[in-house]
Amino acid sequence: MEINWNNKEPIYLQLRDRLVELIMDGALLEGDALPSVRQVAGEQRINPITVSKALQMLVDEELVEKKRGLGMYVVTGAKDKLSKQERAKFLEQEWPQIAQRIQRLGLAADELLRSIKDGSGQNHGNSK
């Protein structure tokens, strides 16, 4: 599991978000075991308590279940639940800021769609 840590958010939130991405991307399927606390802590070189906090968040959100003596597993329906939550979060929190920036930059919808179709998302030769 590769994580590009940043200094903007606590590590446990970044780890939680990365695990959510893995579930949404299908790298962790419903019924799959999550890596152990020790494994993640060792691989990522972070405190096991930090890992436990991130995993507990997923349990609290009912995306993961603890099986005593066996570990933690992705629950059935986790991907669908996450898709709904992440869509709502995007539309309520992220999209308004993006829409304002698009408007501020004077970008037209056809420009944005063209950049998606081109797969570039770049400045189309407008370099600084």
C-alpha atoms as a PDB file:
ATOM      1  CA  MET A   1       0.000   0.000   0.000  1.00  0.00           C
ATOM      2  CA  GLU A   2       1.565   3.245  -1.157  1.00  0.00           C
ATOM      3  CA  ILE A   3       0.697   6.463   0.635  1.00  0.00           C
ATOM      4  CA  ASN A   4       2.012   9.922  -0.148  1.00  0.00           C
ATOM      5  CA  TRP A   5       1.822  11.572   3.263  1.00  0.00           C
ATOM      6  CA  ASN A   6       1.106  15.284   3.579  1.00  0.00           C
ATOM      7  CA  ASN A   7       1.360  17.704   6.483  1.00  0.00           C
ATOM      8  CA  LYS A   8      -2.172  19.059   6.082  1.00  0.00           C
ATOM      9  CA  GLU A   9      -4.096  16.219   7.744  1.00  0.00           C
ATOM     10  CA  PRO A  10      -3.422  13.856  10.629  1.00  0.00           C
ATOM     11  CA  ILE A  11      -1.816  10.590   9.526  1.00  0.00           C
ATOM     12  CA  TYR A  12      -4.696   8.443  10.773  1.00  0.00           C
ATOM     13  CA  LEU A  13      -7.112  10.359   8.484  1.00  0.00           C
ATOM     14  CA  GLN A  14      -4.774   9.972   5.526  1.00  0.00           C
ATOM     15  CA  LEU A  15      -4.513   6.244   6.211  1.00  0.00           C
ATOM     16  CA  ARG A  16      -8.294   5.950   6.532  1.00  0.00           C
ATOM     17  CA  ASP A  17      -8.728   7.801   3.235  1.00  0.00           C
ATOM     18  CA  ARG A  18      -6.200   5.539   1.501  1.00  0.00           C
ATOM     19  CA  LEU A  19      -8.030   2.426   2.691  1.00  0.00           C
ATOM     20  CA  VAL A  20     -11.301   3.949   1.441  1.00  0.00           C
ATOM     21  CA  GLU A  21      -9.645   4.488  -1.970  1.00  0.00           C
ATOM     22  CA  LEU A  22      -8.513   0.861  -2.040  1.00  0.00           C
ATOM     23  CA  ILE A  23     -12.069  -0.302  -1.351  1.00  0.00           C
ATOM     24  CA  MET A  24     -13.568   2.040  -3.956  1.00  0.00           C
ATOM     25  CA  ASP A  25     -10.957   1.075  -6.556  1.00  0.00           C
ATOM     26  CA  GLY A  26     -11.612  -2.632  -5.979  1.00  0.00           C
ATOM     27  CA  ALA A  27      -8.154  -3.392  -4.620  1.00  0.00           C
ATOM     28  CA  LEU A  28      -9.889  -4.426  -1.385  1.00  0.00           C
ATOM     29  CA  LEU A  29     -13.058  -6.357  -2.157  1.00  0.00           C
ATOM     30  CA  GLU A  30     -16.006  -7.112   0.083  1.00  0.00           C
ATOM     31  CA  GLY A  31     -14.989  -9.977   2.363  1.00  0.00           C
ATOM     32  CA  ASP A  32     -11.251  -9.275   1.967  1.00  0.00           C
ATOM     33  CA  ALA A  33      -9.084  -9.061   5.050  1.00  0.00           C
ATOM     34  CA  LEU A  34      -7.370  -5.770   5.759  1.00  0.00           C
ATOM     35  CA  PRO A  35      -3.657  -5.841   6.523  1.00  0.00           C
ATOM     36  CA  SER A  36      -2.918  -6.189  10.233  1.00  0.00           C
ATOM     37  CA  VAL A  37      -2.112  -3.211  12.435  1.00  0.00           C
ATOM     38  CA  ARG A  38       1.457  -4.469  12.843  1.00  0.00           C
ATOM     39  CA  GLN A  39       1.889  -4.983   9.111  1.00  0.00           C
ATOM     40  CA  VAL A  40       0.683  -1.481   8.198  1.00  0.00           C
ATOM     41  CA  ALA A  41       2.631   0.139  11.047  1.00  0.00           C
ATOM     42  CA  GLY A  42       5.811  -1.626   9.952  1.00  0.00           C
ATOM     43  CA  GLU A  43       5.397  -0.947   6.231  1.00  0.00           C
ATOM     44  CA  GLN A  44       4.456   2.691   6.695  1.00  0.00           C
ATOM     45  CA  ARG A  45       6.766   3.294   9.654  1.00  0.00           C
ATOM     46  CA  ILE A  46       4.012   4.769  11.780  1.00  0.00           C
ATOM     47  CA  ASN A  47       2.777   4.158  15.299  1.00  0.00           C
ATOM     48  CA  PRO A  48       0.444   1.134  15.677  1.00  0.00           C
ATOM     49  CA  ILE A  49      -1.957   3.317  17.687  1.00  0.00           C
ATOM     50  CA  THR A  50      -2.283   5.593  14.651  1.00  0.00           C
ATOM     51  CA  VAL A  51      -3.103   2.588  12.463  1.00  0.00           C
ATOM     52  CA  SER A  52      -5.623   1.305  15.018  1.00  0.00           C
ATOM     53  CA  LYS A  53      -7.331   4.707  15.069  1.00  0.00           C
ATOM     54  CA  ALA A  54      -7.718   4.700  11.266  1.00  0.00           C
ATOM     55  CA  LEU A  55      -9.080   1.147  11.247  1.00  0.00           C
ATOM     56  CA  GLN A  56     -11.470   1.912  14.097  1.00  0.00           C
ATOM     57  CA  MET A  57     -12.899   4.774  12.047  1.00  0.00           C
ATOM     58  CA  LEU A  58     -13.732   2.276   9.287  1.00  0.00           C
ATOM     59  CA  VAL A  59     -15.373  -0.008  11.858  1.00  0.00           C
ATOM     60  CA  ASP A  60     -17.367   2.929  13.260  1.00  0.00           C
ATOM     61  CA  GLU A  61     -18.480   3.799   9.714  1.00  0.00           C
ATOM     62  CA  GLU A  62     -19.606   0.169   9.278  1.00  0.00           C
ATOM     63  CA  LEU A  63     -17.295  -0.357   6.306  1.00  0.00           C
ATOM     64  CA  VAL A  64     -15.123  -2.907   8.060  1.00  0.00           C
ATOM     65  CA  GLU A  65     -15.917  -5.517  10.693  1.00  0.00           C
ATOM     66  CA  LYS A  66     -13.712  -7.019  13.365  1.00  0.00           C
ATOM     67  CA  LYS A  67     -13.654 -10.796  13.566  1.00  0.00           C
ATOM     68  CA  ARG A  68     -12.227 -11.721  16.919  1.00  0.00           C
ATOM     69  CA  GLY A  69      -8.938 -13.547  16.514  1.00  0.00           C
ATOM     70  CA  LEU A  70      -9.075 -13.309  12.717  1.00  0.00           C
ATOM     71  CA  GLY A  71      -8.664  -9.622  11.878  1.00  0.00           C
ATOM     72  CA  MET A  72     -10.698  -7.000  10.075  1.00  0.00           C
ATOM     73  CA  TYR A  73     -12.687  -7.542   6.905  1.00  0.00           C
ATOM     74  CA  VAL A  74     -14.429  -5.330   4.356  1.00  0.00           C
ATOM     75  CA  VAL A  75     -18.191  -5.684   4.855  1.00  0.00           C
ATOM     76  CA  THR A  76     -20.705  -6.480   2.141  1.00  0.00           C
ATOM     77  CA  GLY A  77     -22.024  -3.266   0.618  1.00  0.00           C
ATOM     78  CA  ALA A  78     -19.008  -1.186   1.673  1.00  0.00           C
ATOM     79  CA  LYS A  79     -18.146  -0.058  -1.860  1.00  0.00           C
ATOM     80  CA  ASP A  80     -21.723   1.062  -2.618  1.00  0.00           C
ATOM     81  CA  LYS A  81     -21.993   2.866   0.703  1.00  0.00           C
ATOM     82  CA  LEU A  82     -18.671   4.607   0.085  1.00  0.00           C
ATOM     83  CA  SER A  83     -19.657   5.607  -3.440  1.00  0.00           C
ATOM     84  CA  LYS A  84     -22.778   7.327  -2.131  1.00  0.00           C
ATOM     85  CA  GLN A  85     -20.880   9.020   0.717  1.00  0.00           C
ATOM     86  CA  GLU A  86     -17.985  10.153  -1.462  1.00  0.00           C
ATOM     87  CA  ARG A  87     -20.319  11.508  -4.172  1.00  0.00           C
ATOM     88  CA  ALA A  88     -22.275  13.495  -1.591  1.00  0.00           C
ATOM     89  CA  LYS A  89     -19.042  14.764  -0.007  1.00  0.00           C
ATOM     90  CA  PHE A  90     -17.691  15.815  -3.407  1.00  0.00           C
ATOM     91  CA  LEU A  91     -20.872  17.631  -4.425  1.00  0.00           C
ATOM     92  CA  GLU A  92     -21.319  19.364  -1.064  1.00  0.00           C
ATOM     93  CA  GLN A  93     -17.729  20.207  -0.124  1.00  0.00           C
ATOM     94  CA  GLU A  94     -15.340  19.983  -3.067  1.00  0.00           C
ATOM     95  CA  TRP A  95     -17.411  20.847  -6.130  1.00  0.00           C
ATOM     96  CA  PRO A  96     -18.493  24.337  -4.987  1.00  0.00           C
ATOM     97  CA  GLN A  97     -14.819  25.334  -4.607  1.00  0.00           C
ATOM     98  CA  ILE A  98     -13.914  23.800  -7.979  1.00  0.00           C
ATOM     99  CA  ALA A  99     -16.886  25.491  -9.662  1.00  0.00           C
ATOM    100  CA  GLN A 100     -15.847  28.865  -8.221  1.00  0.00           C
ATOM    101  CA  ARG A 101     -12.293  28.372  -9.484  1.00  0.00           C
ATOM    102  CA  ILE A 102     -13.546  27.388 -12.956  1.00  0.00           C
ATOM    103  CA  GLN A 103     -15.683  30.516 -13.034  1.00  0.00           C
ATOM    104  CA  ARG A 104     -12.820  32.696 -11.760  1.00  0.00           C
ATOM    105  CA  LEU A 105     -10.521  31.349 -14.484  1.00  0.00           C
ATOM    106  CA  GLY A 106     -13.162  31.855 -17.158  1.00  0.00           C
ATOM    107  CA  LEU A 107     -12.993  28.251 -18.328  1.00  0.00           C
ATOM    108  CA  ALA A 108     -15.756  27.067 -20.629  1.00  0.00           C
ATOM    109  CA  ALA A 109     -17.458  23.684 -20.279  1.00  0.00           C
ATOM    110  CA  ASP A 110     -16.235  22.580 -23.727  1.00  0.00           C
ATOM    111  CA  GLU A 111     -12.615  23.310 -22.702  1.00  0.00           C
ATOM    112  CA  LEU A 112     -13.006  21.201 -19.591  1.00  0.00           C
ATOM    113  CA  LEU A 113     -14.662  18.342 -21.456  1.00  0.00           C
ATOM    114  CA  ARG A 114     -11.988  18.458 -24.157  1.00  0.00           C
ATOM    115  CA  SER A 115      -9.237  18.217 -21.548  1.00  0.00           C
ATOM    116  CA  ILE A 116     -10.934  15.142 -20.059  1.00  0.00           C
ATOM    117  CA  LYS A 117     -11.313  13.513 -23.486  1.00  0.00           C
ATOM    118  CA  ASP A 118      -7.692  14.328 -24.351  1.00  0.00           C
ATOM    119  CA  GLY A 119      -6.675  12.764 -21.069  1.00  0.00           C
ATOM    120  CA  SER A 120      -4.284  15.572 -20.447  1.00  0.00           C
ATOM    121  CA  GLY A 121      -5.957  17.896 -17.978  1.00  0.00           C
ATOM    122  CA  GLN A 122      -3.025  20.201 -18.753  1.00  0.00           C
ATOM    123  CA  ASN A 123      -2.680  23.661 -20.185  1.00  0.00           C
ATOM    124  CA  HIS A 124      -2.680  22.604 -23.859  1.00  0.00           C
ATOM    125  CA  GLY A 125       0.613  24.279 -24.608  1.00  0.00           C
ATOM    126  CA  ASN A 126       0.123  27.294 -22.375  1.00  0.00           C
ATOM    127  CA  SER A 127       3.326  26.899 -20.399  1.00  0.00           C
ATOM    128  CA  LYS A 128       4.818  29.451 -18.076  1.00  0.00           C
END
